[in-house]
């Protein structure tokens, strides 16, 4: 289905949602003995878990990347420091 090396958050959300929805819908099928209930529970559980997991993953990744950008911005040299490093230190 997908490579585990470069998995996207959306692909991970689909995989986890399937892992949650399939066993639950099979259990509903065994208990209720109705395909309609099983299909309905699969659709509801899959869509709900997909959107919840996708939202949480995107939010988590966004927060981590935002921290990295803040760190990079704090450590970035000013124009004066760049000039100092470029012209004065190089001459030594």
N, C-alpha and C. Protein backbone atom coordinates (compact mmCIF):
# COMPACT_ATOMS: atom_id res chain seq x y z
N UNK A 1 0.83 -1.19 0.00
CA UNK A 1 0.00 0.00 0.00
C UNK A 1 0.87 1.25 0.00
N UNK A 2 1.84 1.31 0.90
CA UNK A 2 2.72 2.46 0.96
C UNK A 2 4.04 2.03 1.56
N UNK A 3 5.05 2.83 1.30
CA UNK A 3 6.38 2.56 1.83
C UNK A 3 6.45 3.09 3.26
N UNK A 4 6.98 2.31 4.16
CA UNK A 4 7.08 2.75 5.55
C UNK A 4 8.22 3.74 5.74
N UNK A 5 9.06 3.90 4.72
CA UNK A 5 10.18 4.83 4.83
C UNK A 5 9.71 6.28 4.72
N UNK A 6 8.86 6.56 3.78
CA UNK A 6 8.38 7.93 3.55
C UNK A 6 6.86 7.99 3.67
N UNK A 7 6.35 7.66 4.82
CA UNK A 7 4.89 7.65 5.01
C UNK A 7 4.42 9.06 5.35
N UNK A 8 3.34 9.47 4.71
CA UNK A 8 2.78 10.79 4.97
C UNK A 8 1.79 10.71 6.13
N UNK A 9 1.48 11.84 6.73
CA UNK A 9 0.49 11.82 7.82
C UNK A 9 -0.89 11.33 7.36
N UNK A 10 -1.26 11.64 6.14
CA UNK A 10 -2.56 11.17 5.63
C UNK A 10 -2.58 9.64 5.48
N UNK A 11 -1.48 9.08 4.96
CA UNK A 11 -1.39 7.64 4.81
C UNK A 11 -1.42 6.95 6.17
N UNK A 12 -0.72 7.52 7.13
CA UNK A 12 -0.72 6.96 8.48
C UNK A 12 -2.11 7.03 9.09
N UNK A 13 -2.82 8.11 8.84
CA UNK A 13 -4.18 8.26 9.34
C UNK A 13 -5.11 7.20 8.75
N UNK A 14 -4.98 6.95 7.45
CA UNK A 14 -5.80 5.93 6.80
C UNK A 14 -5.49 4.56 7.39
N UNK A 15 -4.22 4.24 7.56
CA UNK A 15 -3.83 2.93 8.09
C UNK A 15 -4.36 2.72 9.50
N UNK A 16 -4.20 3.70 10.37
CA UNK A 16 -4.67 3.56 11.75
C UNK A 16 -6.20 3.49 11.79
N UNK A 17 -6.86 4.27 10.95
CA UNK A 17 -8.32 4.23 10.91
C UNK A 17 -8.82 2.87 10.45
N UNK A 18 -8.13 2.27 9.48
CA UNK A 18 -8.50 0.91 9.04
C UNK A 18 -8.29 -0.10 10.15
N UNK A 19 -7.17 0.01 10.86
CA UNK A 19 -6.89 -0.91 11.96
C UNK A 19 -7.95 -0.79 13.04
N UNK A 20 -8.49 0.39 13.25
CA UNK A 20 -9.54 0.56 14.24
C UNK A 20 -10.92 0.12 13.74
N UNK A 21 -11.21 0.41 12.48
CA UNK A 21 -12.57 0.20 11.97
C UNK A 21 -12.86 -1.25 11.58
N UNK A 22 -11.89 -1.94 11.01
CA UNK A 22 -12.15 -3.30 10.52
C UNK A 22 -12.51 -4.26 11.65
N UNK A 23 -11.72 -4.37 12.72
CA UNK A 23 -12.11 -5.31 13.78
C UNK A 23 -13.44 -4.94 14.44
N UNK A 24 -13.68 -3.67 14.60
CA UNK A 24 -14.93 -3.25 15.21
C UNK A 24 -16.13 -3.60 14.33
N UNK A 25 -16.02 -3.41 13.04
CA UNK A 25 -17.14 -3.75 12.15
C UNK A 25 -17.33 -5.26 12.06
N UNK A 26 -16.25 -6.03 12.15
CA UNK A 26 -16.38 -7.50 12.18
C UNK A 26 -17.10 -7.93 13.45
N UNK A 27 -16.76 -7.30 14.56
CA UNK A 27 -17.44 -7.60 15.83
C UNK A 27 -18.93 -7.25 15.75
N UNK A 28 -19.25 -6.13 15.15
CA UNK A 28 -20.66 -5.75 14.98
C UNK A 28 -21.36 -6.75 14.07
N UNK A 29 -20.69 -7.22 13.04
CA UNK A 29 -21.28 -8.22 12.14
C UNK A 29 -21.58 -9.52 12.90
N UNK A 30 -20.66 -9.93 13.75
CA UNK A 30 -20.86 -11.17 14.52
C UNK A 30 -22.01 -11.01 15.51
N UNK A 31 -22.08 -9.88 16.19
CA UNK A 31 -23.11 -9.68 17.21
C UNK A 31 -24.48 -9.42 16.58
N UNK A 32 -24.55 -8.53 15.63
CA UNK A 32 -25.84 -8.13 15.05
C UNK A 32 -26.29 -9.04 13.90
N UNK A 33 -25.35 -9.71 13.26
CA UNK A 33 -25.63 -10.57 12.11
C UNK A 33 -26.35 -9.82 10.98
N UNK A 34 -25.93 -8.58 10.79
CA UNK A 34 -26.50 -7.75 9.75
C UNK A 34 -25.37 -7.00 9.05
N UNK A 35 -25.34 -7.13 7.71
CA UNK A 35 -24.31 -6.43 6.94
C UNK A 35 -24.47 -4.92 7.01
N UNK A 36 -25.72 -4.46 7.09
CA UNK A 36 -25.97 -3.03 7.11
C UNK A 36 -25.37 -2.38 8.35
N UNK A 37 -25.52 -3.02 9.50
CA UNK A 37 -24.94 -2.49 10.73
C UNK A 37 -23.41 -2.52 10.66
N UNK A 38 -22.86 -3.59 10.09
CA UNK A 38 -21.40 -3.70 9.98
C UNK A 38 -20.84 -2.63 9.05
N UNK A 39 -21.48 -2.44 7.91
CA UNK A 39 -21.02 -1.41 6.96
C UNK A 39 -21.19 -0.02 7.56
N UNK A 40 -22.31 0.21 8.21
CA UNK A 40 -22.54 1.50 8.84
C UNK A 40 -21.53 1.80 9.94
N UNK A 41 -21.24 0.79 10.77
CA UNK A 41 -20.25 1.01 11.83
C UNK A 41 -18.86 1.22 11.25
N UNK A 42 -18.55 0.51 10.16
CA UNK A 42 -17.25 0.71 9.52
C UNK A 42 -17.11 2.14 9.00
N UNK A 43 -18.14 2.61 8.32
CA UNK A 43 -18.09 3.97 7.75
C UNK A 43 -17.97 5.02 8.85
N UNK A 44 -18.77 4.87 9.90
CA UNK A 44 -18.75 5.86 10.98
C UNK A 44 -17.42 5.84 11.72
N UNK A 45 -16.94 4.65 12.08
CA UNK A 45 -15.69 4.55 12.84
C UNK A 45 -14.50 4.97 11.97
N UNK A 46 -14.48 4.53 10.72
CA UNK A 46 -13.36 4.89 9.84
C UNK A 46 -13.30 6.39 9.61
N UNK A 47 -14.43 7.00 9.26
CA UNK A 47 -14.40 8.44 8.97
C UNK A 47 -14.10 9.25 10.22
N UNK A 48 -14.69 8.90 11.34
CA UNK A 48 -14.43 9.63 12.57
C UNK A 48 -12.99 9.51 13.02
N UNK A 49 -12.48 8.30 13.02
CA UNK A 49 -11.09 8.11 13.47
C UNK A 49 -10.11 8.70 12.47
N UNK A 50 -10.40 8.63 11.18
CA UNK A 50 -9.50 9.21 10.19
C UNK A 50 -9.36 10.72 10.39
N UNK A 51 -10.49 11.41 10.51
CA UNK A 51 -10.43 12.86 10.65
C UNK A 51 -9.80 13.27 11.98
N UNK A 52 -10.09 12.54 13.04
CA UNK A 52 -9.51 12.87 14.33
C UNK A 52 -8.00 12.63 14.34
N UNK A 53 -7.56 11.50 13.83
CA UNK A 53 -6.13 11.18 13.79
C UNK A 53 -5.40 12.12 12.84
N UNK A 54 -5.98 12.39 11.70
CA UNK A 54 -5.36 13.30 10.73
C UNK A 54 -5.20 14.69 11.32
N UNK A 55 -6.23 15.19 11.97
CA UNK A 55 -6.17 16.51 12.59
C UNK A 55 -5.09 16.57 13.66
N UNK A 56 -5.05 15.55 14.50
CA UNK A 56 -4.07 15.55 15.59
C UNK A 56 -2.64 15.41 15.06
N UNK A 57 -2.43 14.59 14.05
CA UNK A 57 -1.10 14.45 13.47
C UNK A 57 -0.63 15.74 12.82
N UNK A 58 -1.49 16.35 12.04
CA UNK A 58 -1.12 17.61 11.38
C UNK A 58 -0.81 18.68 12.42
N UNK A 59 -1.60 18.74 13.46
CA UNK A 59 -1.37 19.72 14.51
C UNK A 59 -0.05 19.45 15.23
N UNK A 60 0.22 18.19 15.52
CA UNK A 60 1.46 17.82 16.20
C UNK A 60 2.67 18.16 15.33
N UNK A 61 2.62 17.81 14.07
CA UNK A 61 3.73 18.08 13.15
C UNK A 61 3.91 19.59 12.98
N UNK A 62 2.82 20.33 12.87
CA UNK A 62 2.90 21.78 12.71
C UNK A 62 3.58 22.41 13.93
N UNK A 63 3.21 21.94 15.13
CA UNK A 63 3.82 22.49 16.34
C UNK A 63 5.31 22.20 16.39
N UNK A 64 5.73 21.01 16.00
CA UNK A 64 7.15 20.67 16.03
C UNK A 64 7.93 21.48 15.00
N UNK A 65 7.38 21.65 13.82
CA UNK A 65 8.06 22.45 12.80
C UNK A 65 8.11 23.91 13.21
N UNK A 66 7.08 24.39 13.85
CA UNK A 66 7.07 25.77 14.33
C UNK A 66 8.19 25.99 15.35
N UNK A 67 8.43 25.02 16.22
CA UNK A 67 9.53 25.12 17.18
C UNK A 67 10.88 25.17 16.47
N UNK A 68 11.03 24.39 15.43
CA UNK A 68 12.28 24.39 14.67
C UNK A 68 12.49 25.74 14.01
N UNK A 69 11.45 26.31 13.40
CA UNK A 69 11.57 27.63 12.77
C UNK A 69 11.91 28.71 13.79
N UNK A 70 11.31 28.63 14.98
CA UNK A 70 11.64 29.61 16.02
C UNK A 70 13.11 29.50 16.41
N UNK A 71 13.60 28.29 16.55
CA UNK A 71 15.00 28.08 16.93
C UNK A 71 15.93 28.62 15.84
N UNK A 72 15.61 28.35 14.59
CA UNK A 72 16.43 28.84 13.47
C UNK A 72 16.42 30.36 13.44
N UNK A 73 15.27 30.95 13.65
CA UNK A 73 15.15 32.40 13.63
C UNK A 73 15.95 33.05 14.76
N UNK A 74 15.97 32.42 15.94
CA UNK A 74 16.73 32.97 17.06
C UNK A 74 18.23 32.86 16.84
N UNK A 75 18.67 31.83 16.14
CA UNK A 75 20.11 31.63 15.94
C UNK A 75 20.63 32.28 14.67
N UNK A 76 19.76 32.88 13.89
CA UNK A 76 20.19 33.52 12.64
C UNK A 76 21.01 34.77 12.95
N UNK A 77 22.09 34.95 12.21
CA UNK A 77 22.96 36.10 12.42
C UNK A 77 22.33 37.37 11.83
N UNK A 78 22.61 38.50 12.46
CA UNK A 78 22.12 39.78 11.94
C UNK A 78 23.02 40.22 10.78
N UNK A 79 22.61 41.26 10.09
CA UNK A 79 23.41 41.77 8.96
C UNK A 79 24.79 42.23 9.45
N UNK A 80 24.84 42.84 10.61
CA UNK A 80 26.11 43.31 11.14
C UNK A 80 27.05 42.13 11.43
N UNK A 81 26.49 41.06 12.03
CA UNK A 81 27.30 39.87 12.31
C UNK A 81 27.76 39.20 11.02
N UNK A 82 26.89 39.15 10.02
CA UNK A 82 27.27 38.55 8.74
C UNK A 82 28.43 39.32 8.10
N UNK A 83 28.35 40.65 8.14
CA UNK A 83 29.43 41.47 7.59
C UNK A 83 30.72 41.24 8.36
N UNK A 84 30.62 41.14 9.66
CA UNK A 84 31.80 40.90 10.50
C UNK A 84 32.44 39.56 10.14
N UNK A 85 31.62 38.53 10.04
CA UNK A 85 32.16 37.20 9.71
C UNK A 85 32.73 37.15 8.30
N UNK A 86 32.10 37.87 7.39
CA UNK A 86 32.49 37.80 5.98
C UNK A 86 33.78 38.55 5.70
N UNK A 87 33.91 39.76 6.25
CA UNK A 87 35.05 40.61 5.89
C UNK A 87 36.17 40.64 6.94
N UNK A 88 35.83 40.71 8.18
CA UNK A 88 36.86 40.89 9.20
C UNK A 88 37.51 39.57 9.58
N UNK A 89 36.74 38.55 9.82
CA UNK A 89 37.31 37.27 10.24
C UNK A 89 38.03 36.60 9.09
N UNK A 90 37.57 36.76 7.88
CA UNK A 90 38.18 36.12 6.72
C UNK A 90 39.59 36.64 6.48
N UNK A 91 39.85 37.89 6.79
CA UNK A 91 41.15 38.49 6.53
C UNK A 91 42.23 37.96 7.46
N UNK A 92 41.89 37.39 8.56
CA UNK A 92 42.89 36.90 9.52
C UNK A 92 43.56 35.67 9.05
